[in-house]
Amino acid sequence: MINLLGWLATSLILLGYYLNAKQDTSSWIVWFVGNLCMLVYSLFISAWPQVGLAIALLCLNVYGYIEWKKINS
């Protein structure tokens, strides 16, 4: 079951990259959910550097979403 979470997280993160390349604002939300799943997955497998990366990326997702909303408003 935990491996399924890892694959789901990976799929969402890749979808987020695709949506970002298409300049779709929803990419930030997809990335956030993907990185949140990756955070949980990383905690379960005790991959501490990956936990740190997931937290940093979650922060960047929020920042990117806010900035894109400012530009597109």
PDB file of N, CA and C in Angstrom:
ATOM      1  N   MET A   1       0.824  -1.203   0.000  1.00  0.00           N
ATOM      2  CA  MET A   1       0.000   0.000   0.000  1.00  0.00           C
ATOM      3  C   MET A   1       0.865   1.263   0.000  1.00  0.00           C
ATOM      4  N   ILE A   2       1.950   1.244   0.770  1.00  0.00           N
ATOM      5  CA  ILE A   2       2.805   2.427   0.838  1.00  0.00           C
ATOM      6  C   ILE A   2       3.466   2.704  -0.511  1.00  0.00           C
ATOM      7  N   ASN A   3       3.801   1.653  -1.248  1.00  0.00           N
ATOM      8  CA  ASN A   3       4.383   1.855  -2.574  1.00  0.00           C
ATOM      9  C   ASN A   3       3.392   2.524  -3.521  1.00  0.00           C
ATOM     10  N   LEU A   4       2.117   2.206  -3.361  1.00  0.00           N
ATOM     11  CA  LEU A   4       1.087   2.853  -4.170  1.00  0.00           C
ATOM     12  C   LEU A   4       1.061   4.355  -3.908  1.00  0.00           C
ATOM     13  N   LEU A   5       1.222   4.742  -2.647  1.00  0.00           N
ATOM     14  CA  LEU A   5       1.282   6.161  -2.299  1.00  0.00           C
ATOM     15  C   LEU A   5       2.478   6.835  -2.983  1.00  0.00           C
ATOM     16  N   GLY A   6       3.618   6.151  -3.000  1.00  0.00           N
ATOM     17  CA  GLY A   6       4.795   6.694  -3.674  1.00  0.00           C
ATOM     18  C   GLY A   6       4.563   6.908  -5.158  1.00  0.00           C
ATOM     19  N   TRP A   7       3.906   5.938  -5.803  1.00  0.00           N
ATOM     20  CA  TRP A   7       3.610   6.067  -7.235  1.00  0.00           C
ATOM     21  C   TRP A   7       2.562   7.141  -7.503  1.00  0.00           C
ATOM     22  N   LEU A   8       1.582   7.252  -6.615  1.00  0.00           N
ATOM     23  CA  LEU A   8       0.586   8.312  -6.763  1.00  0.00           C
ATOM     24  C   LEU A   8       1.248   9.677  -6.653  1.00  0.00           C
ATOM     25  N   ALA A   9       2.115   9.826  -5.662  1.00  0.00           N
ATOM     26  CA  ALA A   9       2.829  11.090  -5.476  1.00  0.00           C
ATOM     27  C   ALA A   9       3.658  11.428  -6.714  1.00  0.00           C
ATOM     28  N   THR A  10       4.386  10.447  -7.217  1.00  0.00           N
ATOM     29  CA  THR A  10       5.216  10.654  -8.407  1.00  0.00           C
ATOM     30  C   THR A  10       4.362  11.068  -9.597  1.00  0.00           C
ATOM     31  N   SER A  11       3.235  10.400  -9.791  1.00  0.00           N
ATOM     32  CA  SER A  11       2.345  10.722 -10.915  1.00  0.00           C
ATOM     33  C   SER A  11       1.796  12.140 -10.804  1.00  0.00           C
ATOM     34  N   LEU A  12       1.388  12.533  -9.604  1.00  0.00           N
ATOM     35  CA  LEU A  12       0.859  13.885  -9.418  1.00  0.00           C
ATOM     36  C   LEU A  12       1.932  14.943  -9.639  1.00  0.00           C
ATOM     37  N   ILE A  13       3.140  14.672  -9.173  1.00  0.00           N
ATOM     38  CA  ILE A  13       4.226  15.640  -9.366  1.00  0.00           C
ATOM     39  C   ILE A  13       4.535  15.797 -10.859  1.00  0.00           C
ATOM     40  N   LEU A  14       4.568  14.688 -11.588  1.00  0.00           N
ATOM     41  CA  LEU A  14       4.808  14.762 -13.032  1.00  0.00           C
ATOM     42  C   LEU A  14       3.670  15.488 -13.746  1.00  0.00           C
ATOM     43  N   LEU A  15       2.434  15.229 -13.329  1.00  0.00           N
ATOM     44  CA  LEU A  15       1.293  15.947 -13.902  1.00  0.00           C
ATOM     45  C   LEU A  15       1.409  17.439 -13.606  1.00  0.00           C
ATOM     46  N   GLY A  16       1.870  17.781 -12.413  1.00  0.00           N
ATOM     47  CA  GLY A  16       2.087  19.187 -12.068  1.00  0.00           C
ATOM     48  C   GLY A  16       3.097  19.855 -12.988  1.00  0.00           C
ATOM     49  N   TYR A  17       4.191  19.150 -13.301  1.00  0.00           N
ATOM     50  CA  TYR A  17       5.181  19.684 -14.247  1.00  0.00           C
ATOM     51  C   TYR A  17       4.546  19.928 -15.615  1.00  0.00           C
ATOM     52  N   TYR A  18       3.751  18.974 -16.066  1.00  0.00           N
ATOM     53  CA  TYR A  18       3.093  19.106 -17.372  1.00  0.00           C
ATOM     54  C   TYR A  18       2.154  20.315 -17.377  1.00  0.00           C
ATOM     55  N   LEU A  19       1.323  20.418 -16.345  1.00  0.00           N
ATOM     56  CA  LEU A  19       0.382  21.537 -16.276  1.00  0.00           C
ATOM     57  C   LEU A  19       1.113  22.872 -16.177  1.00  0.00           C
ATOM     58  N   ASN A  20       2.247  22.891 -15.482  1.00  0.00           N
ATOM     59  CA  ASN A  20       3.036  24.114 -15.377  1.00  0.00           C
ATOM     60  C   ASN A  20       3.582  24.512 -16.742  1.00  0.00           C
ATOM     61  N   ALA A  21       4.038  23.525 -17.501  1.00  0.00           N
ATOM     62  CA  ALA A  21       4.549  23.812 -18.848  1.00  0.00           C
ATOM     63  C   ALA A  21       3.453  24.382 -19.740  1.00  0.00           C
ATOM     64  N   LYS A  22       2.203  23.998 -19.461  1.00  0.00           N
ATOM     65  CA  LYS A  22       1.054  24.525 -20.203  1.00  0.00           C
ATOM     66  C   LYS A  22       0.550  25.839 -19.604  1.00  0.00           C
ATOM     67  N   GLN A  23       1.248  26.334 -18.590  1.00  0.00           N
ATOM     68  CA  GLN A  23       0.910  27.564 -17.882  1.00  0.00           C
ATOM     69  C   GLN A  23      -0.494  27.525 -17.276  1.00  0.00           C
ATOM     70  N   ASP A  24      -0.843  26.363 -16.746  1.00  0.00           N
ATOM     71  CA  ASP A  24      -2.123  26.151 -16.084  1.00  0.00           C
ATOM     72  C   ASP A  24      -1.932  26.382 -14.582  1.00  0.00           C
ATOM     73  N   THR A  25      -2.679  27.322 -14.020  1.00  0.00           N
ATOM     74  CA  THR A  25      -2.532  27.679 -12.614  1.00  0.00           C
ATOM     75  C   THR A  25      -2.805  26.496 -11.686  1.00  0.00           C
ATOM     76  N   SER A  26      -3.603  25.545 -12.116  1.00  0.00           N
ATOM     77  CA  SER A  26      -3.906  24.387 -11.271  1.00  0.00           C
ATOM     78  C   SER A  26      -2.677  23.504 -11.042  1.00  0.00           C
ATOM     79  N   SER A  27      -1.608  23.750 -11.806  1.00  0.00           N
ATOM     80  CA  SER A  27      -0.380  22.967 -11.621  1.00  0.00           C
ATOM     81  C   SER A  27       0.122  23.080 -10.183  1.00  0.00           C
ATOM     82  N   TRP A  28      -0.046  24.250  -9.581  1.00  0.00           N
ATOM     83  CA  TRP A  28       0.451  24.463  -8.222  1.00  0.00           C
ATOM     84  C   TRP A  28      -0.322  23.620  -7.221  1.00  0.00           C
ATOM     85  N   ILE A  29      -1.608  23.477  -7.432  1.00  0.00           N
ATOM     86  CA  ILE A  29      -2.428  22.665  -6.538  1.00  0.00           C
ATOM     87  C   ILE A  29      -2.085  21.185  -6.699  1.00  0.00           C
ATOM     88  N   VAL A  30      -1.939  20.751  -7.946  1.00  0.00           N
ATOM     89  CA  VAL A  30      -1.571  19.356  -8.221  1.00  0.00           C
ATOM     90  C   VAL A  30      -0.205  19.059  -7.618  1.00  0.00           C
ATOM     91  N   TRP A  31       0.743  19.966  -7.807  1.00  0.00           N
ATOM     92  CA  TRP A  31       2.081  19.803  -7.225  1.00  0.00           C
ATOM     93  C   TRP A  31       2.001  19.726  -5.697  1.00  0.00           C
ATOM     94  N   PHE A  32       1.192  20.590  -5.098  1.00  0.00           N
ATOM     95  CA  PHE A  32       1.067  20.608  -3.642  1.00  0.00           C
ATOM     96  C   PHE A  32       0.574  19.258  -3.127  1.00  0.00           C
ATOM     97  N   VAL A  33      -0.480  18.743  -3.749  1.00  0.00           N
ATOM     98  CA  VAL A  33      -1.028  17.450  -3.324  1.00  0.00           C
ATOM     99  C   VAL A  33       0.001  16.344  -3.551  1.00  0.00           C
ATOM    100  N   GLY A  34       0.684  16.382  -4.700  1.00  0.00           N
ATOM    101  CA  GLY A  34       1.725  15.395  -4.984  1.00  0.00           C
ATOM    102  C   GLY A  34       2.859  15.444  -3.975  1.00  0.00           C
ATOM    103  N   ASN A  35       3.297  16.644  -3.639  1.00  0.00           N
ATOM    104  CA  ASN A  35       4.380  16.788  -2.659  1.00  0.00           C
ATOM    105  C   ASN A  35       3.927  16.428  -1.250  1.00  0.00           C
ATOM    106  N   LEU A  36       2.673  16.675  -0.935  1.00  0.00           N
ATOM    107  CA  LEU A  36       2.134  16.253   0.353  1.00  0.00           C
ATOM    108  C   LEU A  36       2.126  14.717   0.451  1.00  0.00           C
ATOM    109  N   CYS A  37       1.698  14.071  -0.616  1.00  0.00           N
ATOM    110  CA  CYS A  37       1.739  12.600  -0.660  1.00  0.00           C
ATOM    111  C   CYS A  37       3.176  12.102  -0.546  1.00  0.00           C
ATOM    112  N   MET A  38       4.099  12.781  -1.215  1.00  0.00           N
ATOM    113  CA  MET A  38       5.501  12.387  -1.152  1.00  0.00           C
ATOM    114  C   MET A  38       6.059  12.575   0.251  1.00  0.00           C
ATOM    115  N   LEU A  39       5.619  13.614   0.936  1.00  0.00           N
ATOM    116  CA  LEU A  39       6.045  13.838   2.313  1.00  0.00           C
ATOM    117  C   LEU A  39       5.610  12.670   3.199  1.00  0.00           C
ATOM    118  N   VAL A  40       4.355  12.286   3.091  1.00  0.00           N
ATOM    119  CA  VAL A  40       3.845  11.171   3.894  1.00  0.00           C
ATOM    120  C   VAL A  40       4.598   9.885   3.546  1.00  0.00           C
ATOM    121  N   TYR A  41       4.770   9.639   2.259  1.00  0.00           N
ATOM    122  CA  TYR A  41       5.513   8.455   1.807  1.00  0.00           C
ATOM    123  C   TYR A  41       6.931   8.456   2.375  1.00  0.00           C
ATOM    124  N   SER A  42       7.599   9.582   2.296  1.00  0.00           N
ATOM    125  CA  SER A  42       8.984   9.692   2.773  1.00  0.00           C
ATOM    126  C   SER A  42       9.073   9.480   4.280  1.00  0.00           C
ATOM    127  N   LEU A  43       8.091   9.971   5.014  1.00  0.00           N
ATOM    128  CA  LEU A  43       8.054   9.741   6.458  1.00  0.00           C
ATOM    129  C   LEU A  43       7.911   8.254   6.773  1.00  0.00           C
ATOM    130  N   PHE A  44       7.050   7.571   6.014  1.00  0.00           N
ATOM    131  CA  PHE A  44       6.844   6.145   6.239  1.00  0.00           C
ATOM    132  C   PHE A  44       8.096   5.317   5.982  1.00  0.00           C
ATOM    133  N   ILE A  45       8.886   5.729   4.980  1.00  0.00           N
ATOM    134  CA  ILE A  45      10.092   4.952   4.663  1.00  0.00           C
ATOM    135  C   ILE A  45      11.337   5.536   5.327  1.00  0.00           C
ATOM    136  N   SER A  46      11.155   6.541   6.156  1.00  0.00           N
ATOM    137  CA  SER A  46      12.255   7.188   6.898  1.00  0.00           C
ATOM    138  C   SER A  46      13.350   7.731   5.984  1.00  0.00           C
ATOM    139  N   ALA A  47      12.935   8.335   4.896  1.00  0.00           N
ATOM    140  CA  ALA A  47      13.874   8.951   3.961  1.00  0.00           C
ATOM    141  C   ALA A  47      13.976  10.435   4.322  1.00  0.00           C
ATOM    142  N   TRP A  48      14.815  10.748   5.309  1.00  0.00           N
ATOM    143  CA  TRP A  48      14.854  12.091   5.888  1.00  0.00           C
ATOM    144  C   TRP A  48      15.271  13.188   4.917  1.00  0.00           C
ATOM    145  N   PRO A  49      16.260  12.986   4.054  1.00  0.00           N
ATOM    146  CA  PRO A  49      16.555  14.049   3.084  1.00  0.00           C
ATOM    147  C   PRO A  49      15.365  14.324   2.150  1.00  0.00           C
ATOM    148  N   GLN A  50      14.645  13.272   1.803  1.00  0.00           N
ATOM    149  CA  GLN A  50      13.470  13.424   0.946  1.00  0.00           C
ATOM    150  C   GLN A  50      12.340  14.136   1.694  1.00  0.00           C
ATOM    151  N   VAL A  51      12.239  13.921   2.990  1.00  0.00           N
ATOM    152  CA  VAL A  51      11.259  14.645   3.819  1.00  0.00           C
ATOM    153  C   VAL A  51      11.567  16.146   3.768  1.00  0.00           C
ATOM    154  N   GLY A  52      12.837  16.493   3.935  1.00  0.00           N
ATOM    155  CA  GLY A  52      13.238  17.900   3.862  1.00  0.00           C
ATOM    156  C   GLY A  52      12.919  18.512   2.515  1.00  0.00           C
ATOM    157  N   LEU A  53      13.194  17.761   1.449  1.00  0.00           N
ATOM    158  CA  LEU A  53      12.892  18.247   0.101  1.00  0.00           C
ATOM    159  C   LEU A  53      11.393  18.441  -0.077  1.00  0.00           C
ATOM    160  N   ALA A  54      10.595  17.490   0.389  1.00  0.00           N
ATOM    161  CA  ALA A  54       9.137  17.596   0.242  1.00  0.00           C
ATOM    162  C   ALA A  54       8.603  18.827   0.977  1.00  0.00           C
ATOM    163  N   ILE A  55       9.124  19.106   2.156  1.00  0.00           N
ATOM    164  CA  ILE A  55       8.682  20.287   2.910  1.00  0.00           C
ATOM    165  C   ILE A  55       9.061  21.569   2.164  1.00  0.00           C
ATOM    166  N   ALA A  56      10.287  21.620   1.658  1.00  0.00           N
ATOM    167  CA  ALA A  56      10.723  22.802   0.900  1.00  0.00           C
ATOM    168  C   ALA A  56       9.858  22.993  -0.346  1.00  0.00           C
ATOM    169  N   LEU A  57       9.552  21.899  -1.032  1.00  0.00           N
ATOM    170  CA  LEU A  57       8.740  21.999  -2.245  1.00  0.00           C
ATOM    171  C   LEU A  57       7.302  22.405  -1.934  1.00  0.00           C
ATOM    172  N   LEU A  58       6.776  21.956  -0.809  1.00  0.00           N
ATOM    173  CA  LEU A  58       5.437  22.400  -0.402  1.00  0.00           C
ATOM    174  C   LEU A  58       5.407  23.918  -0.212  1.00  0.00           C
ATOM    175  N   CYS A  59       6.435  24.445   0.401  1.00  0.00           N
ATOM    176  CA  CYS A  59       6.538  25.898   0.591  1.00  0.00           C
ATOM    177  C   CYS A  59       6.626  26.615  -0.757  1.00  0.00           C
ATOM    178  N   LEU A  60       7.418  26.069  -1.662  1.00  0.00           N
ATOM    179  CA  LEU A  60       7.538  26.665  -2.996  1.00  0.00           C
ATOM    180  C   LEU A  60       6.231  26.575  -3.774  1.00  0.00           C
ATOM    181  N   ASN A  61       5.470  25.493  -3.586  1.00  0.00           N
ATOM    182  CA  ASN A  61       4.169  25.369  -4.238  1.00  0.00           C
ATOM    183  C   ASN A  61       3.235  26.481  -3.792  1.00  0.00           C
ATOM    184  N   VAL A  62       3.190  26.746  -2.497  1.00  0.00           N
ATOM    185  CA  VAL A  62       2.333  27.809  -1.969  1.00  0.00           C
ATOM    186  C   VAL A  62       2.791  29.154  -2.509  1.00  0.00           C
ATOM    187  N   TYR A  63       4.103  29.409  -2.471  1.00  0.00           N
ATOM    188  CA  TYR A  63       4.650  30.669  -2.978  1.00  0.00           C
ATOM    189  C   TYR A  63       4.332  30.841  -4.472  1.00  0.00           C
ATOM    190  N   GLY A  64       4.565  29.809  -5.252  1.00  0.00           N
ATOM    191  CA  GLY A  64       4.301  29.882  -6.695  1.00  0.00           C
ATOM    192  C   GLY A  64       2.840  30.142  -6.994  1.00  0.00           C
ATOM    193  N   TYR A  65       1.960  29.474  -6.268  1.00  0.00           N
ATOM    194  CA  TYR A  65       0.525  29.675  -6.468  1.00  0.00           C
ATOM    195  C   TYR A  65       0.134  31.120  -6.178  1.00  0.00           C
ATOM    196  N   ILE A  66       0.628  31.661  -5.080  1.00  0.00           N
ATOM    197  CA  ILE A  66       0.321  33.049  -4.712  1.00  0.00           C
ATOM    198  C   ILE A  66       0.837  34.023  -5.765  1.00  0.00           C
ATOM    199  N   GLU A  67       2.068  33.804  -6.217  1.00  0.00           N
ATOM    200  CA  GLU A  67       2.646  34.693  -7.227  1.00  0.00           C
ATOM    201  C   GLU A  67       1.891  34.619  -8.550  1.00  0.00           C
ATOM    202  N   TRP A  68       1.528  33.417  -8.977  1.00  0.00           N
ATOM    203  CA  TRP A  68       0.778  33.286 -10.225  1.00  0.00           C
ATOM    204  C   TRP A  68      -0.596  33.931 -10.110  1.00  0.00           C
ATOM    205  N   LYS A  69      -1.217  33.836  -8.944  1.00  0.00           N
ATOM    206  CA  LYS A  69      -2.524  34.467  -8.757  1.00  0.00           C
ATOM    207  C   LYS A  69      -2.388  35.991  -8.870  1.00  0.00           C
ATOM    208  N   LYS A  70      -1.300  36.546  -8.346  1.00  0.00           N
ATOM    209  CA  LYS A  70      -1.070  37.997  -8.439  1.00  0.00           C
ATOM    210  C   LYS A  70      -0.947  38.418  -9.899  1.00  0.00           C
ATOM    211  N   ILE A  71      -0.177  37.650 -10.663  1.00  0.00           N
ATOM    212  CA  ILE A  71       0.070  37.982 -12.065  1.00  0.00           C
ATOM    213  C   ILE A  71      -1.188  37.831 -12.898  1.00  0.00           C
ATOM    214  N   ASN A  72      -1.982  36.803 -12.622  1.00  0.00           N
ATOM    215  CA  ASN A  72      -3.153  36.506 -13.437  1.00  0.00           C
ATOM    216  C   ASN A  72      -4.432  37.177 -12.937  1.00  0.00           C
ATOM    217  N   SER A  73      -4.318  38.069 -11.953  1.00  0.00           N
ATOM    218  CA  SER A  73      -5.521  38.739 -11.422  1.00  0.00           C
ATOM    219  C   SER A  73      -5.823  40.005 -12.179  1.00  0.00           C
TER     220      SER A  73
END
